[in-house]
Amino acid sequence: MQPPGASRGQPAGRAWHGSRPAQATRRALYALAALLWASGAVLLVLQLWFRQAGELGLVRHPAEPALHTTHGVLAVLGLFGLGWITARHAGAALATTTVRRGGPLLLAWLGLLAASGFALYYIPADDLRAASSWLHAGLGAAVIVPALWHWGRGAR
């Protein structure tokens, strides 16, 4: 008989099987990543194609402020999840010989994405902020590629 919280050879209270997250943990992290990516993609679409003409030029779409807030909250949760999985999953992988290129690539990509996101809020110069915005949008739109590559390789 297994103690409460234990599953298939895992001690109670542990959410990991080796260095791979348990299925419920993976699903939660995948859902968070999907929501974060989707909110960013919708924001990008609204900013590129749904600006409206106003008295003083182009005006943001009315949904943008709420979507920015949602994206920001999801980003904070995502950074928490990234730190947690980096400490548990990546740390365990580094302690073994199972380190592959996909994990460090995804981690570096997400680090650049987070840094460019922070820059959007903390860089006051308009030209640097515009560059950071395009960098963040490009990294964010394309992050799906290394993420799916890493997650797909881990499913084998």
Protein backbone atom coordinates (compact mmCIF):
# COMPACT_ATOMS: atom_id res chain seq x y z
CA MET A 1 0.00 0.00 0.00
CA GLN A 2 1.33 3.43 -0.96
CA PRO A 3 1.29 6.42 1.37
CA PRO A 4 -0.97 9.35 0.41
CA GLY A 5 0.53 11.42 -2.38
CA ALA A 6 2.79 8.63 -3.64
CA SER A 7 2.49 7.30 -7.16
CA ARG A 8 4.24 4.53 -9.09
CA GLY A 9 7.43 4.31 -7.11
CA GLN A 10 7.59 7.97 -6.07
CA PRO A 11 7.78 8.83 -2.39
CA ALA A 12 4.88 10.79 -0.92
CA GLY A 13 5.22 14.54 -1.42
CA ARG A 14 7.54 14.28 -4.42
CA ALA A 15 6.30 15.56 -7.74
CA TRP A 16 9.17 14.12 -9.78
CA HIS A 17 10.02 10.85 -11.39
CA GLY A 18 13.76 11.12 -11.86
CA SER A 19 14.30 14.61 -13.24
CA ARG A 20 11.03 14.66 -15.18
CA PRO A 21 8.02 16.39 -13.62
CA ALA A 22 5.00 14.31 -12.72
CA GLN A 23 2.14 14.32 -15.22
CA ALA A 24 -0.06 16.70 -13.20
CA THR A 25 2.84 19.14 -12.77
CA ARG A 26 3.66 18.98 -16.49
CA ARG A 27 0.03 19.62 -17.40
CA ALA A 28 -0.14 22.66 -15.11
CA LEU A 29 3.10 24.08 -16.53
CA TYR A 30 2.03 23.38 -20.11
CA ALA A 31 -1.33 25.08 -19.48
CA LEU A 32 0.41 28.12 -17.98
CA ALA A 33 2.84 28.27 -20.92
CA ALA A 34 -0.04 27.95 -23.42
CA LEU A 35 -2.04 30.74 -21.76
CA LEU A 36 1.01 32.99 -21.58
CA TRP A 37 1.89 32.38 -25.22
CA ALA A 38 -1.72 32.81 -26.39
CA SER A 39 -2.19 36.08 -24.48
CA GLY A 40 1.03 37.41 -26.00
CA ALA A 41 0.01 36.29 -29.49
CA VAL A 42 -3.39 37.99 -29.18
CA LEU A 43 -1.69 41.16 -27.93
CA LEU A 44 0.68 41.11 -30.88
CA VAL A 45 -2.20 40.66 -33.34
CA LEU A 46 -4.16 43.51 -31.72
CA GLN A 47 -1.13 45.80 -31.80
CA LEU A 48 -0.20 45.05 -35.40
CA TRP A 49 -3.57 44.84 -37.12
CA PHE A 50 -6.31 46.21 -34.89
CA ARG A 51 -5.17 49.69 -33.93
CA GLN A 52 -7.96 52.20 -34.43
CA ALA A 53 -7.77 55.70 -35.83
CA GLY A 54 -8.39 58.39 -33.23
CA GLU A 55 -8.26 62.16 -33.11
CA LEU A 56 -4.51 62.18 -32.44
CA GLY A 57 -3.47 59.18 -34.51
CA LEU A 58 -3.64 55.45 -33.91
CA VAL A 59 -5.30 54.34 -30.67
CA ARG A 60 -4.86 51.03 -28.87
CA HIS A 61 -7.56 48.43 -29.17
CA PRO A 62 -9.93 48.63 -26.15
CA ALA A 63 -9.02 45.06 -25.09
CA GLU A 64 -5.26 45.76 -24.89
CA PRO A 65 -5.05 47.15 -21.32
CA ALA A 66 -6.87 44.18 -19.77
CA LEU A 67 -4.92 41.76 -21.93
CA HIS A 68 -1.63 43.42 -20.94
CA THR A 69 -2.55 42.96 -17.28
CA THR A 70 -3.48 39.33 -17.86
CA HIS A 71 -0.26 38.70 -19.78
CA GLY A 72 1.75 40.37 -16.99
CA VAL A 73 0.15 38.25 -14.26
CA LEU A 74 0.71 35.11 -16.31
CA ALA A 75 4.33 36.19 -16.87
CA VAL A 76 4.92 36.50 -13.11
CA LEU A 77 3.42 33.03 -12.58
CA GLY A 78 5.48 31.78 -15.51
CA LEU A 79 8.70 33.14 -13.99
CA PHE A 80 7.83 31.40 -10.74
CA GLY A 81 7.22 28.16 -12.64
CA LEU A 82 10.42 28.62 -14.63
CA GLY A 83 12.46 29.10 -11.48
CA TRP A 84 10.84 26.12 -9.85
CA ILE A 85 11.33 23.78 -12.80
CA THR A 86 14.87 25.06 -13.38
CA ALA A 87 15.81 24.28 -9.79
CA ARG A 88 14.16 20.85 -9.76
CA HIS A 89 14.19 19.52 -13.30
CA ALA A 90 17.19 21.25 -14.85
CA GLY A 91 19.21 20.93 -11.64
CA ALA A 92 18.60 17.18 -11.55
CA ALA A 93 19.45 16.88 -15.24
CA LEU A 94 22.71 18.78 -14.74
CA ALA A 95 23.66 16.37 -11.98
CA THR A 96 23.42 13.48 -14.47
CA THR A 97 24.61 12.94 -18.00
CA THR A 98 21.15 13.45 -19.51
CA VAL A 99 21.66 17.12 -20.38
CA ARG A 100 20.66 17.79 -23.94
CA ARG A 101 20.91 20.91 -26.06
CA GLY A 102 17.15 21.54 -25.98
CA GLY A 103 16.90 22.34 -22.28
CA PRO A 104 19.69 24.92 -22.08
CA LEU A 105 18.50 26.46 -25.37
CA LEU A 106 14.94 26.80 -24.04
CA LEU A 107 16.20 28.20 -20.72
CA ALA A 108 18.37 30.82 -22.47
CA TRP A 109 15.51 31.73 -24.81
CA LEU A 110 13.11 32.18 -21.88
CA GLY A 111 15.73 34.25 -20.04
CA LEU A 112 16.00 36.63 -23.01
CA LEU A 113 12.23 36.75 -23.26
CA ALA A 114 11.91 37.65 -19.57
CA ALA A 115 14.66 40.27 -19.80
CA SER A 116 13.06 41.92 -22.84
CA GLY A 117 9.69 41.88 -21.06
CA PHE A 118 11.16 43.63 -18.03
CA ALA A 119 12.82 46.13 -20.36
CA LEU A 120 9.40 47.09 -21.73
CA TYR A 121 8.47 48.40 -18.30
CA TYR A 122 11.78 49.82 -17.11
CA ILE A 123 13.48 51.40 -20.16
CA PRO A 124 12.25 54.97 -20.53
CA ALA A 125 13.94 55.83 -23.87
CA ASP A 126 11.45 55.43 -26.71
CA ASP A 127 13.92 54.03 -29.25
CA LEU A 128 15.29 51.38 -26.84
CA ARG A 129 11.77 50.56 -25.71
CA ALA A 130 10.67 50.06 -29.33
CA ALA A 131 13.64 47.76 -29.97
CA SER A 132 12.86 45.81 -26.81
CA SER A 133 9.23 45.54 -27.88
CA TRP A 134 10.14 44.03 -31.24
CA LEU A 135 12.69 41.72 -29.62
CA HIS A 136 10.12 40.57 -27.05
CA ALA A 137 7.46 40.03 -29.73
CA GLY A 138 9.83 38.06 -31.95
CA LEU A 139 11.20 35.91 -29.14
CA GLY A 140 7.72 35.36 -27.76
CA ALA A 141 6.15 34.41 -31.08
CA ALA A 142 8.97 32.00 -31.89
CA VAL A 143 9.43 30.47 -28.41
CA ILE A 144 6.92 27.80 -29.37
CA VAL A 145 9.60 26.16 -31.56
CA PRO A 146 12.26 25.38 -28.90
CA ALA A 147 9.52 24.68 -26.33
CA LEU A 148 7.78 22.05 -28.46
CA TRP A 149 11.14 20.61 -29.47
CA HIS A 150 12.22 20.22 -25.84
CA TRP A 151 8.87 18.90 -24.64
CA GLY A 152 8.51 16.56 -27.60
CA ARG A 153 11.97 15.07 -27.09
CA GLY A 154 11.16 14.49 -23.41
CA ALA A 155 8.01 12.55 -24.30
CA ARG A 156 10.04 9.80 -25.97
